[in-house]
Amino acid sequence: MLKELRPAIVMIVLFTVLTGLAYPLAMTGIAQALFPRQANGSLIEKGGKVIGSELIGQNFEKPGYFHGRPSATTDTDPKDPTKTIAAPYNAANSAGSNAGPTSKALMERVQGDVEKLKAENPGAPIPVDLVTTSASGLDPDISPAAALFQVPRVAKERGLPQQRLRELVAAQTEGRFLGVIGEPSVNVLRLNMALDALAGR
């Protein structure tokens, strides 16, 4: 019996070492050597302090800032551990709402967002990413159209010319990867950092 078990035990140990230790360590080492910033979370610093990551959105609510996509992430209610509360961009709980097109709560939330955006920029078409959440709830980017839609509100709050903010959005827009993969996008945190720098000048 030991004769039959020995090869199985040897293979388990061998593949545990190869796939559980050697491969992850090799990939981590290669990533750290070739892409250290990305391997360490694509962190964004300001004044020597980490203020966020390019990969995880933040909840900007003040009218003088560009806002990201709605986020459906939740957290435990501190008053009642058996319940959850909305916690936008909670990186410890990445998830979509899983609400379908017949969900009353989803329809009410979207309709409320649409009405708010219509009041903010009357007559302009509302980009879909300003009223829909991403699958992860952590999307750090918006479309250029979503950023441009917010220009009148931000310009009014900051006392800046709209044309200057449109130029800022254009400067912060990232094109398609290799010119063909994906869609143009704007990282909301980087855009707001550029906005603060512009307002400071």
N, C-alpha and C. Protein backbone atom coordinates (compact mmCIF):
# COMPACT_ATOMS: atom_id res chain seq x y z
N MET A 1 0.81 -1.20 0.00
CA MET A 1 0.00 0.00 0.00
C MET A 1 0.86 1.27 0.00
N LEU A 2 1.96 1.24 0.76
CA LEU A 2 2.86 2.39 0.81
C LEU A 2 3.43 2.69 -0.56
N LYS A 3 3.64 1.62 -1.33
CA LYS A 3 4.16 1.78 -2.70
C LYS A 3 3.22 2.62 -3.55
N GLU A 4 1.90 2.46 -3.36
CA GLU A 4 0.92 3.23 -4.13
C GLU A 4 0.76 4.65 -3.58
N LEU A 5 0.89 4.81 -2.27
CA LEU A 5 0.70 6.13 -1.65
C LEU A 5 1.89 7.06 -1.87
N ARG A 6 3.11 6.49 -1.92
CA ARG A 6 4.31 7.32 -2.02
C ARG A 6 4.28 8.27 -3.21
N PRO A 7 3.96 7.81 -4.44
CA PRO A 7 3.93 8.76 -5.57
C PRO A 7 2.90 9.88 -5.38
N ALA A 8 1.74 9.55 -4.78
CA ALA A 8 0.71 10.56 -4.55
C ALA A 8 1.21 11.60 -3.55
N ILE A 9 1.84 11.17 -2.48
CA ILE A 9 2.35 12.09 -1.46
C ILE A 9 3.46 12.97 -2.06
N VAL A 10 4.37 12.34 -2.82
CA VAL A 10 5.47 13.10 -3.44
C VAL A 10 4.91 14.17 -4.39
N MET A 11 3.89 13.80 -5.19
CA MET A 11 3.30 14.76 -6.13
C MET A 11 2.60 15.91 -5.40
N ILE A 12 1.91 15.60 -4.30
CA ILE A 12 1.24 16.65 -3.52
C ILE A 12 2.27 17.63 -2.97
N VAL A 13 3.33 17.10 -2.37
CA VAL A 13 4.37 17.96 -1.80
C VAL A 13 5.05 18.77 -2.90
N LEU A 14 5.41 18.10 -4.01
CA LEU A 14 6.09 18.78 -5.11
C LEU A 14 5.25 19.92 -5.67
N PHE A 15 3.97 19.65 -5.98
CA PHE A 15 3.13 20.70 -6.57
C PHE A 15 2.73 21.78 -5.56
N THR A 16 2.70 21.42 -4.27
CA THR A 16 2.47 22.43 -3.24
C THR A 16 3.63 23.42 -3.22
N VAL A 17 4.84 22.89 -3.28
CA VAL A 17 6.03 23.76 -3.28
C VAL A 17 6.08 24.58 -4.57
N LEU A 18 5.82 23.93 -5.72
CA LEU A 18 5.90 24.64 -7.00
C LEU A 18 4.82 25.70 -7.15
N THR A 19 3.56 25.30 -6.96
CA THR A 19 2.46 26.24 -7.22
C THR A 19 2.08 27.09 -6.02
N GLY A 20 2.44 26.63 -4.81
CA GLY A 20 2.08 27.40 -3.62
C GLY A 20 3.17 28.31 -3.13
N LEU A 21 4.43 28.01 -3.49
CA LEU A 21 5.56 28.83 -3.03
C LEU A 21 6.40 29.40 -4.17
N ALA A 22 6.97 28.51 -4.97
CA ALA A 22 7.92 28.96 -6.00
C ALA A 22 7.27 29.90 -7.02
N TYR A 23 6.13 29.51 -7.58
CA TYR A 23 5.48 30.33 -8.60
C TYR A 23 5.03 31.68 -8.04
N PRO A 24 4.29 31.75 -6.91
CA PRO A 24 3.91 33.07 -6.39
C PRO A 24 5.11 33.96 -6.05
N LEU A 25 6.16 33.37 -5.49
CA LEU A 25 7.35 34.17 -5.17
C LEU A 25 8.03 34.69 -6.43
N ALA A 26 8.10 33.86 -7.46
CA ALA A 26 8.70 34.28 -8.72
C ALA A 26 7.90 35.41 -9.36
N MET A 27 6.56 35.27 -9.39
CA MET A 27 5.70 36.31 -9.98
C MET A 27 5.78 37.61 -9.20
N THR A 28 5.82 37.50 -7.86
CA THR A 28 5.94 38.69 -7.01
C THR A 28 7.27 39.39 -7.28
N GLY A 29 8.33 38.61 -7.37
CA GLY A 29 9.65 39.19 -7.64
C GLY A 29 9.72 39.87 -8.99
N ILE A 30 9.17 39.22 -10.03
CA ILE A 30 9.15 39.82 -11.38
C ILE A 30 8.33 41.10 -11.38
N ALA A 31 7.16 41.06 -10.73
CA ALA A 31 6.30 42.25 -10.68
C ALA A 31 7.00 43.40 -9.96
N GLN A 32 7.66 43.09 -8.85
CA GLN A 32 8.36 44.14 -8.10
C GLN A 32 9.52 44.72 -8.91
N ALA A 33 10.18 43.86 -9.70
CA ALA A 33 11.32 44.32 -10.49
C ALA A 33 10.88 45.14 -11.70
N LEU A 34 9.84 44.69 -12.40
CA LEU A 34 9.44 45.33 -13.65
C LEU A 34 8.38 46.42 -13.48
N PHE A 35 7.45 46.22 -12.54
CA PHE A 35 6.34 47.16 -12.35
C PHE A 35 6.15 47.47 -10.86
N PRO A 36 7.12 48.09 -10.21
CA PRO A 36 7.02 48.27 -8.75
C PRO A 36 5.84 49.12 -8.31
N ARG A 37 5.53 50.18 -9.04
CA ARG A 37 4.41 51.05 -8.64
C ARG A 37 3.09 50.30 -8.71
N GLN A 38 2.87 49.58 -9.82
CA GLN A 38 1.62 48.83 -9.98
C GLN A 38 1.54 47.68 -8.98
N ALA A 39 2.67 46.99 -8.75
CA ALA A 39 2.69 45.86 -7.82
C ALA A 39 2.38 46.29 -6.39
N ASN A 40 2.66 47.54 -6.08
CA ASN A 40 2.41 48.05 -4.72
C ASN A 40 1.11 48.83 -4.62
N GLY A 41 0.22 48.66 -5.59
CA GLY A 41 -1.12 49.22 -5.46
C GLY A 41 -1.39 50.49 -6.25
N SER A 42 -0.48 50.93 -7.12
CA SER A 42 -0.66 52.16 -7.91
C SER A 42 -1.07 53.32 -7.01
N LEU A 43 -0.34 53.48 -5.91
CA LEU A 43 -0.67 54.50 -4.92
C LEU A 43 -0.37 55.90 -5.44
N ILE A 44 -1.22 56.85 -5.02
CA ILE A 44 -1.06 58.25 -5.39
C ILE A 44 -0.69 59.02 -4.13
N GLU A 45 0.41 59.77 -4.22
CA GLU A 45 0.88 60.54 -3.07
C GLU A 45 0.73 62.03 -3.33
N LYS A 46 0.54 62.76 -2.24
CA LYS A 46 0.49 64.22 -2.30
C LYS A 46 1.20 64.74 -1.06
N GLY A 47 2.27 65.49 -1.28
CA GLY A 47 3.05 66.00 -0.15
C GLY A 47 3.66 64.90 0.69
N GLY A 48 4.07 63.80 0.04
CA GLY A 48 4.69 62.69 0.75
C GLY A 48 3.72 61.79 1.50
N LYS A 49 2.42 62.04 1.34
CA LYS A 49 1.41 61.24 2.04
C LYS A 49 0.53 60.53 1.02
N VAL A 50 0.26 59.24 1.24
CA VAL A 50 -0.60 58.47 0.34
C VAL A 50 -2.04 58.94 0.54
N ILE A 51 -2.67 59.36 -0.57
CA ILE A 51 -4.06 59.85 -0.47
C ILE A 51 -5.04 58.93 -1.20
N GLY A 52 -4.54 57.92 -1.88
CA GLY A 52 -5.43 57.01 -2.58
C GLY A 52 -4.68 56.13 -3.56
N SER A 53 -5.46 55.43 -4.36
CA SER A 53 -4.91 54.55 -5.39
C SER A 53 -5.60 54.84 -6.71
N GLU A 54 -4.87 54.65 -7.79
CA GLU A 54 -5.47 54.82 -9.13
C GLU A 54 -6.52 53.75 -9.39
N LEU A 55 -6.51 52.68 -8.60
CA LEU A 55 -7.35 51.52 -8.87
C LEU A 55 -8.66 51.50 -8.08
N ILE A 56 -8.78 52.36 -7.06
CA ILE A 56 -9.97 52.36 -6.21
C ILE A 56 -10.54 53.77 -6.13
N GLY A 57 -11.82 53.90 -6.46
CA GLY A 57 -12.47 55.20 -6.44
C GLY A 57 -12.62 55.75 -5.04
N GLN A 58 -12.89 57.05 -4.97
CA GLN A 58 -13.16 57.71 -3.70
C GLN A 58 -14.48 58.46 -3.80
N ASN A 59 -15.10 58.68 -2.67
CA ASN A 59 -16.42 59.30 -2.65
C ASN A 59 -16.31 60.82 -2.52
N PHE A 60 -16.28 61.51 -3.66
CA PHE A 60 -16.27 62.97 -3.66
C PHE A 60 -17.71 63.45 -3.69
N GLU A 61 -18.12 64.18 -2.65
CA GLU A 61 -19.51 64.65 -2.56
C GLU A 61 -19.65 66.15 -2.70
N LYS A 62 -18.59 66.91 -2.38
CA LYS A 62 -18.69 68.37 -2.43
C LYS A 62 -18.93 68.82 -3.87
N PRO A 63 -19.77 69.84 -4.06
CA PRO A 63 -20.08 70.28 -5.43
C PRO A 63 -18.91 70.89 -6.18
N GLY A 64 -17.86 71.27 -5.48
CA GLY A 64 -16.69 71.84 -6.13
C GLY A 64 -15.71 70.81 -6.67
N TYR A 65 -16.09 69.54 -6.59
CA TYR A 65 -15.25 68.46 -7.12
C TYR A 65 -16.02 67.65 -8.15
N PHE A 66 -15.27 66.99 -9.03
CA PHE A 66 -15.88 66.04 -9.97
C PHE A 66 -16.24 64.78 -9.18
N HIS A 67 -17.40 64.23 -9.47
CA HIS A 67 -17.88 63.04 -8.78
C HIS A 67 -17.66 61.80 -9.65
N GLY A 68 -17.44 60.67 -8.99
CA GLY A 68 -17.27 59.41 -9.70
C GLY A 68 -18.60 58.72 -9.92
N ARG A 69 -18.53 57.48 -10.36
CA ARG A 69 -19.75 56.68 -10.53
C ARG A 69 -20.37 56.39 -9.17
N PRO A 70 -21.67 56.15 -9.14
CA PRO A 70 -22.26 55.70 -7.87
C PRO A 70 -21.62 54.36 -7.46
N SER A 71 -21.56 54.13 -6.16
CA SER A 71 -20.98 52.90 -5.65
C SER A 71 -22.00 52.17 -4.80
N ALA A 72 -22.12 50.86 -5.00
CA ALA A 72 -23.13 50.07 -4.28
C ALA A 72 -22.53 49.30 -3.11
N THR A 73 -21.27 49.57 -2.76
CA THR A 73 -20.66 48.81 -1.66
C THR A 73 -21.30 49.17 -0.32
N THR A 74 -21.25 48.24 0.60
CA THR A 74 -21.88 48.41 1.92
C THR A 74 -20.90 48.08 3.03
N ASP A 75 -21.32 48.32 4.26
CA ASP A 75 -20.53 47.96 5.44
C ASP A 75 -21.50 47.58 6.55
N THR A 76 -20.99 46.99 7.60
CA THR A 76 -21.84 46.61 8.73
C THR A 76 -22.32 47.85 9.48
N ASP A 77 -23.58 47.86 9.81
CA ASP A 77 -24.17 48.97 10.56
C ASP A 77 -23.59 48.95 11.98
N PRO A 78 -22.89 50.03 12.39
CA PRO A 78 -22.30 50.03 13.74
C PRO A 78 -23.35 49.95 14.86
N LYS A 79 -24.60 50.33 14.54
CA LYS A 79 -25.66 50.28 15.55
C LYS A 79 -26.33 48.91 15.63
N ASP A 80 -26.26 48.15 14.52
CA ASP A 80 -26.89 46.83 14.47
C ASP A 80 -26.08 45.92 13.56
N PRO A 81 -25.23 45.06 14.13
CA PRO A 81 -24.33 44.20 13.33
C PRO A 81 -25.05 43.25 12.38
N THR A 82 -26.36 43.07 12.56
CA THR A 82 -27.08 42.16 11.67
C THR A 82 -27.52 42.87 10.38
N LYS A 83 -27.30 44.18 10.30
CA LYS A 83 -27.72 44.96 9.13
C LYS A 83 -26.51 45.60 8.45
N THR A 84 -26.73 46.05 7.22
CA THR A 84 -25.68 46.76 6.49
C THR A 84 -26.15 48.17 6.16
N ILE A 85 -25.17 49.04 5.93
CA ILE A 85 -25.45 50.42 5.52
C ILE A 85 -24.63 50.73 4.28
N ALA A 86 -25.06 51.73 3.53
CA ALA A 86 -24.30 52.14 2.34
C ALA A 86 -22.95 52.69 2.77
N ALA A 87 -21.90 52.25 2.12
CA ALA A 87 -20.55 52.73 2.38
C ALA A 87 -19.82 52.81 1.04
N PRO A 88 -20.03 53.92 0.30
CA PRO A 88 -19.46 54.03 -1.05
C PRO A 88 -17.95 53.80 -1.09
N TYR A 89 -17.52 53.04 -2.08
CA TYR A 89 -16.10 52.75 -2.34
C TYR A 89 -15.43 52.04 -1.17
N ASN A 90 -16.16 51.17 -0.48
CA ASN A 90 -15.60 50.37 0.60
C ASN A 90 -14.78 49.24 0.00
N ALA A 91 -13.46 49.41 -0.01
CA ALA A 91 -12.58 48.44 -0.67
C ALA A 91 -12.56 47.09 0.02
N ALA A 92 -13.02 47.03 1.27
CA ALA A 92 -13.07 45.75 1.98
C ALA A 92 -14.31 44.95 1.61
N ASN A 93 -15.20 45.54 0.82
CA ASN A 93 -16.44 44.85 0.48
C ASN A 93 -16.80 45.12 -0.98
N SER A 94 -15.89 44.80 -1.86
CA SER A 94 -16.12 45.03 -3.29
C SER A 94 -17.27 44.18 -3.80
N ALA A 95 -18.31 44.87 -4.31
CA ALA A 95 -19.48 44.15 -4.83
C ALA A 95 -20.42 45.11 -5.52
N GLY A 96 -21.20 44.57 -6.44
CA GLY A 96 -22.29 45.33 -7.03
C GLY A 96 -23.53 45.15 -6.17
N SER A 97 -24.59 45.82 -6.54
CA SER A 97 -25.82 45.71 -5.76
C SER A 97 -26.57 44.41 -6.05
N ASN A 98 -26.32 43.80 -7.20
CA ASN A 98 -27.04 42.62 -7.68
C ASN A 98 -28.53 42.89 -7.89
N ALA A 99 -28.91 44.16 -7.93
CA ALA A 99 -30.31 44.51 -8.18
C ALA A 99 -30.58 44.43 -9.68
N GLY A 100 -31.69 43.80 -10.05
CA GLY A 100 -32.04 43.63 -11.45
C GLY A 100 -32.92 44.76 -11.96
N PRO A 101 -33.27 44.73 -13.25
CA PRO A 101 -34.05 45.80 -13.85
C PRO A 101 -35.46 45.94 -13.29
N THR A 102 -35.94 44.94 -12.55
CA THR A 102 -37.27 45.05 -11.96
C THR A 102 -37.22 45.50 -10.50
N SER A 103 -36.03 45.78 -9.99
CA SER A 103 -35.87 46.20 -8.60
C SER A 103 -36.42 47.61 -8.39
N LYS A 104 -37.37 47.73 -7.49
CA LYS A 104 -37.98 49.03 -7.19
C LYS A 104 -36.95 49.97 -6.57
N ALA A 105 -36.13 49.45 -5.65
CA ALA A 105 -35.11 50.28 -4.99
C ALA A 105 -34.11 50.82 -6.01
N LEU A 106 -33.71 49.97 -6.96
CA LEU A 106 -32.77 50.41 -7.99
C LEU A 106 -33.39 51.49 -8.87
N MET A 107 -34.63 51.27 -9.29
CA MET A 107 -35.30 52.25 -10.14
C MET A 107 -35.46 53.60 -9.43
N GLU A 108 -35.80 53.56 -8.15
CA GLU A 108 -35.96 54.79 -7.39
C GLU A 108 -34.63 55.52 -7.24
N ARG A 109 -33.56 54.76 -6.99
CA ARG A 109 -32.23 55.37 -6.84
C ARG A 109 -31.78 56.01 -8.14
N VAL A 110 -31.94 55.30 -9.25
CA VAL A 110 -31.53 55.84 -10.55
C VAL A 110 -32.37 57.06 -10.90
N GLN A 111 -33.68 56.99 -10.68
CA GLN A 111 -34.55 58.13 -11.00
C GLN A 111 -34.18 59.35 -10.17
N GLY A 112 -33.85 59.13 -8.90
CA GLY A 112 -33.42 60.23 -8.04
C GLY A 112 -32.14 60.86 -8.53
N ASP A 113 -31.18 60.02 -8.95
CA ASP A 113 -29.92 60.54 -9.49
C ASP A 113 -30.15 61.30 -10.79
N VAL A 114 -31.03 60.79 -11.63
CA VAL A 114 -31.33 61.45 -12.91
C VAL A 114 -31.93 62.84 -12.66
N GLU A 115 -32.88 62.93 -11.73
CA GLU A 115 -33.51 64.23 -11.43
C GLU A 115 -32.50 65.22 -10.89
N LYS A 116 -31.62 64.75 -10.03
CA LYS A 116 -30.58 65.61 -9.46
C LYS A 116 -29.64 66.12 -10.56
N LEU A 117 -29.25 65.24 -11.46
CA LEU A 117 -28.34 65.62 -12.54
C LEU A 117 -29.02 66.54 -13.55
N LYS A 118 -30.31 66.33 -13.80
CA LYS A 118 -31.05 67.23 -14.70
C LYS A 118 -31.07 68.65 -14.15
N ALA A 119 -31.23 68.77 -12.84
CA ALA A 119 -31.24 70.09 -12.21
C ALA A 119 -29.85 70.73 -12.27
N GLU A 120 -28.83 69.90 -12.21
CA GLU A 120 -27.45 70.38 -12.22
C GLU A 120 -27.04 70.92 -13.60
N ASN A 121 -27.48 70.23 -14.65
CA ASN A 121 -27.08 70.62 -16.00
C ASN A 121 -28.27 70.41 -16.94
N PRO A 122 -29.27 71.32 -16.88
CA PRO A 122 -30.50 71.13 -17.66
C PRO A 122 -30.24 71.06 -19.17
N GLY A 123 -30.95 70.16 -19.80
CA GLY A 123 -30.88 70.06 -21.26
C GLY A 123 -29.74 69.21 -21.79
N ALA A 124 -28.75 68.89 -20.95
CA ALA A 124 -27.62 68.08 -21.41
C ALA A 124 -27.94 66.60 -21.24
N PRO A 125 -27.56 65.76 -22.20
CA PRO A 125 -27.79 64.32 -22.03
C PRO A 125 -26.95 63.78 -20.87
N ILE A 126 -27.55 62.93 -20.06
CA ILE A 126 -26.86 62.41 -18.87
C ILE A 126 -26.08 61.15 -19.24
N PRO A 127 -24.75 61.16 -19.06
CA PRO A 127 -23.97 59.96 -19.34
C PRO A 127 -24.38 58.82 -18.42
N VAL A 128 -24.48 57.63 -18.96
CA VAL A 128 -25.00 56.49 -18.21
C VAL A 128 -24.14 56.15 -17.00
N ASP A 129 -22.83 56.41 -17.07
CA ASP A 129 -21.98 56.03 -15.93
C ASP A 129 -22.15 56.96 -14.73
N LEU A 130 -22.91 58.03 -14.85
CA LEU A 130 -23.20 58.87 -13.69
C LEU A 130 -24.40 58.38 -12.89
N VAL A 131 -25.12 57.40 -13.43
CA VAL A 131 -26.30 56.88 -12.72
C VAL A 131 -26.24 55.37 -12.52
N THR A 132 -25.21 54.70 -13.03
CA THR A 132 -25.08 53.25 -12.86
C THR A 132 -23.80 52.92 -12.09
N THR A 133 -23.87 51.87 -11.29
CA THR A 133 -22.70 51.43 -10.55
C THR A 133 -21.91 50.41 -11.38
N SER A 134 -20.66 50.24 -11.05
CA SER A 134 -19.86 49.22 -11.71
C SER A 134 -20.03 47.90 -10.95
N ALA A 135 -19.57 46.82 -11.52
CA ALA A 135 -19.70 45.51 -10.89
C ALA A 135 -18.95 45.43 -9.57
N SER A 136 -17.81 46.12 -9.48
CA SER A 136 -17.03 46.07 -8.24
C SER A 136 -17.49 47.10 -7.22
N GLY A 137 -18.10 48.19 -7.69
CA GLY A 137 -18.46 49.29 -6.80
C GLY A 137 -17.28 50.18 -6.47
N LEU A 138 -16.12 49.90 -7.07
CA LEU A 138 -14.90 50.64 -6.74
C LEU A 138 -14.30 51.38 -7.94
N ASP A 139 -15.02 51.47 -9.04
CA ASP A 139 -14.49 52.03 -10.28
C ASP A 139 -13.91 53.43 -10.06
N PRO A 140 -12.61 53.63 -10.33
CA PRO A 140 -12.00 54.94 -10.09
C PRO A 140 -12.16 55.91 -11.27
N ASP A 141 -12.67 55.41 -12.39
CA ASP A 141 -12.72 56.21 -13.61
C ASP A 141 -14.16 56.53 -14.03
N ILE A 142 -14.29 57.61 -14.78
CA ILE A 142 -15.54 57.94 -15.45
C ILE A 142 -15.22 58.22 -16.91
N SER A 143 -16.25 58.28 -17.73
CA SER A 143 -16.04 58.60 -19.14
C SER A 143 -15.76 60.09 -19.28
N PRO A 144 -15.07 60.50 -20.35
CA PRO A 144 -14.88 61.94 -20.58
C PRO A 144 -16.21 62.69 -20.63
N ALA A 145 -17.25 62.05 -21.19
CA ALA A 145 -18.57 62.70 -21.26
C ALA A 145 -19.11 62.97 -19.86
N ALA A 146 -18.89 62.04 -18.92
CA ALA A 146 -19.36 62.22 -17.55
C ALA A 146 -18.61 63.36 -16.86
N ALA A 147 -17.32 63.48 -17.14
CA ALA A 147 -16.54 64.59 -16.57
C ALA A 147 -16.99 65.92 -17.16
N LEU A 148 -17.18 65.97 -18.47
CA LEU A 148 -17.60 67.21 -19.12
C LEU A 148 -19.00 67.63 -18.68
N PHE A 149 -19.87 66.66 -18.39
CA PHE A 149 -21.21 66.97 -17.91
C PHE A 149 -21.15 67.77 -16.60
N GLN A 150 -20.15 67.50 -15.79
CA GLN A 150 -20.04 68.14 -14.47
C GLN A 150 -19.34 69.49 -14.50
N VAL A 151 -18.79 69.86 -15.64
CA VAL A 151 -18.02 71.10 -15.74
C VAL A 151 -18.80 72.34 -15.29
N PRO A 152 -20.06 72.55 -15.73
CA PRO A 152 -20.77 73.76 -15.30
C PRO A 152 -20.90 73.89 -13.78
N ARG A 153 -21.21 72.77 -13.09
CA ARG A 153 -21.33 72.81 -11.63
C ARG A 153 -20.01 73.14 -10.96
N VAL A 154 -18.94 72.45 -11.39
CA VAL A 154 -17.62 72.67 -10.78
C VAL A 154 -17.13 74.09 -11.07
N ALA A 155 -17.34 74.55 -12.30
CA ALA A 155 -16.90 75.90 -12.67
C ALA A 155 -17.60 76.95 -11.81
N LYS A 156 -18.89 76.76 -11.58
CA LYS A 156 -19.66 77.70 -10.77
C LYS A 156 -19.17 77.71 -9.33
N GLU A 157 -18.95 76.52 -8.78
CA GLU A 157 -18.50 76.42 -7.38
C GLU A 157 -17.09 76.97 -7.19
N ARG A 158 -16.23 76.76 -8.18
CA ARG A 158 -14.83 77.17 -8.06
C ARG A 158 -14.57 78.57 -8.60
N GLY A 159 -15.54 79.13 -9.33
CA GLY A 159 -15.32 80.44 -9.93
C GLY A 159 -14.29 80.39 -11.04
N LEU A 160 -14.28 79.30 -11.80
CA LEU A 160 -13.32 79.11 -12.89
C LEU A 160 -14.06 79.10 -14.22
N PRO A 161 -13.40 79.51 -15.31
CA PRO A 161 -14.05 79.45 -16.62
C PRO A 161 -14.29 78.01 -17.06
N GLN A 162 -15.46 77.76 -17.64
CA GLN A 162 -15.79 76.41 -18.09
C GLN A 162 -14.80 75.90 -19.13
N GLN A 163 -14.34 76.77 -20.01
CA GLN A 163 -13.40 76.35 -21.05
C GLN A 163 -12.11 75.82 -20.43
N ARG A 164 -11.66 76.46 -19.34
CA ARG A 164 -10.43 76.00 -18.68
C ARG A 164 -10.63 74.61 -18.08
N LEU A 165 -11.82 74.36 -17.55
CA LEU A 165 -12.09 73.04 -16.98
C LEU A 165 -12.25 71.98 -18.06
N ARG A 166 -12.80 72.36 -19.21
CA ARG A 166 -12.87 71.41 -20.32
C ARG A 166 -11.46 71.02 -20.78
N GLU A 167 -10.57 71.98 -20.81
CA GLU A 167 -9.18 71.70 -21.17
C GLU A 167 -8.53 70.78 -20.14
N LEU A 168 -8.87 71.00 -18.87
CA LEU A 168 -8.33 70.16 -17.80
C LEU A 168 -8.81 68.71 -17.96
N VAL A 169 -10.10 68.54 -18.26
CA VAL A 169 -10.65 67.20 -18.49
C VAL A 169 -9.94 66.54 -19.68
N ALA A 170 -9.75 67.29 -20.76
CA ALA A 170 -9.08 66.75 -21.94
C ALA A 170 -7.65 66.31 -21.61
N ALA A 171 -6.96 67.11 -20.78
CA ALA A 171 -5.58 66.78 -20.41
C ALA A 171 -5.53 65.53 -19.53
N GLN A 172 -6.57 65.27 -18.74
CA GLN A 172 -6.60 64.13 -17.84
C GLN A 172 -7.23 62.88 -18.47
N THR A 173 -7.70 62.98 -19.70
CA THR A 173 -8.33 61.84 -20.37
C THR A 173 -7.28 60.86 -20.87
N GLU A 174 -7.45 59.61 -20.50
CA GLU A 174 -6.56 58.54 -20.96
C GLU A 174 -7.23 57.83 -22.13
N GLY A 175 -6.50 57.66 -23.22
CA GLY A 175 -7.06 57.01 -24.40
C GLY A 175 -7.14 55.50 -24.27
N ARG A 176 -7.54 54.87 -25.35
CA ARG A 176 -7.62 53.40 -25.37
C ARG A 176 -6.23 52.79 -25.27
N PHE A 177 -6.12 51.65 -24.60
CA PHE A 177 -4.86 50.94 -24.49
C PHE A 177 -4.44 50.45 -25.88
N LEU A 178 -3.23 50.79 -26.29
CA LEU A 178 -2.69 50.46 -27.62
C LEU A 178 -3.56 51.05 -28.74
N GLY A 179 -4.39 52.03 -28.39
CA GLY A 179 -5.21 52.70 -29.39
C GLY A 179 -6.49 51.97 -29.77
N VAL A 180 -6.68 50.74 -29.27
CA VAL A 180 -7.85 49.96 -29.69
C VAL A 180 -8.60 49.27 -28.55
N ILE A 181 -7.95 49.04 -27.41
CA ILE A 181 -8.57 48.26 -26.34
C ILE A 181 -9.19 49.18 -25.30
N GLY A 182 -10.47 48.93 -24.97
CA GLY A 182 -11.15 49.71 -23.95
C GLY A 182 -11.71 51.01 -24.49
N GLU A 183 -12.09 51.89 -23.58
CA GLU A 183 -12.67 53.18 -23.92
C GLU A 183 -11.88 54.28 -23.22
N PRO A 184 -11.89 55.49 -23.78
CA PRO A 184 -11.23 56.61 -23.08
C PRO A 184 -11.85 56.80 -21.69
N SER A 185 -11.02 57.17 -20.73
CA SER A 185 -11.50 57.33 -19.36
C SER A 185 -10.76 58.46 -18.65
N VAL A 186 -11.34 58.89 -17.53
CA VAL A 186 -10.74 59.94 -16.72
C VAL A 186 -10.69 59.43 -15.28
N ASN A 187 -9.50 59.42 -14.68
CA ASN A 187 -9.37 59.01 -13.28
C ASN A 187 -9.84 60.17 -12.41
N VAL A 188 -10.88 59.95 -11.61
CA VAL A 188 -11.52 61.03 -10.86
C VAL A 188 -10.58 61.63 -9.81
N LEU A 189 -9.81 60.80 -9.12
CA LEU A 189 -8.90 61.32 -8.10
C LEU A 189 -7.84 62.20 -8.73
N ARG A 190 -7.24 61.74 -9.84
CA ARG A 190 -6.21 62.55 -10.50
C ARG A 190 -6.80 63.85 -11.06
N LEU A 191 -8.02 63.77 -11.59
CA LEU A 191 -8.68 64.96 -12.11
C LEU A 191 -8.91 65.98 -10.99
N ASN A 192 -9.37 65.52 -9.84
CA ASN A 192 -9.61 66.43 -8.72
C ASN A 192 -8.31 66.99 -8.14
N MET A 193 -7.24 66.21 -8.18
CA MET A 193 -5.94 66.73 -7.76
C MET A 193 -5.48 67.85 -8.70
N ALA A 194 -5.67 67.63 -10.00
CA ALA A 194 -5.31 68.65 -10.99
C ALA A 194 -6.19 69.89 -10.81
N LEU A 195 -7.46 69.66 -10.46
CA LEU A 195 -8.38 70.77 -10.22
C LEU A 195 -7.92 71.60 -9.03
N ASP A 196 -7.54 70.95 -7.94
CA ASP A 196 -7.04 71.67 -6.77
C ASP A 196 -5.78 72.46 -7.10
N ALA A 197 -4.89 71.86 -7.90
CA ALA A 197 -3.66 72.55 -8.30
C ALA A 197 -3.99 73.78 -9.15
N LEU A 198 -4.97 73.63 -10.04
CA LEU A 198 -5.37 74.74 -10.90
C LEU A 198 -6.01 75.86 -10.08
N ALA A 199 -6.87 75.49 -9.13
CA ALA A 199 -7.53 76.49 -8.29
C ALA A 199 -6.51 77.19 -7.40
N GLY A 200 -5.48 76.42 -6.98
CA GLY A 200 -4.43 77.01 -6.13
C GLY A 200 -3.61 78.05 -6.85
N ARG A 201 -3.46 77.86 -8.18
CA ARG A 201 -2.70 78.84 -8.96
C ARG A 201 -3.52 80.09 -9.20
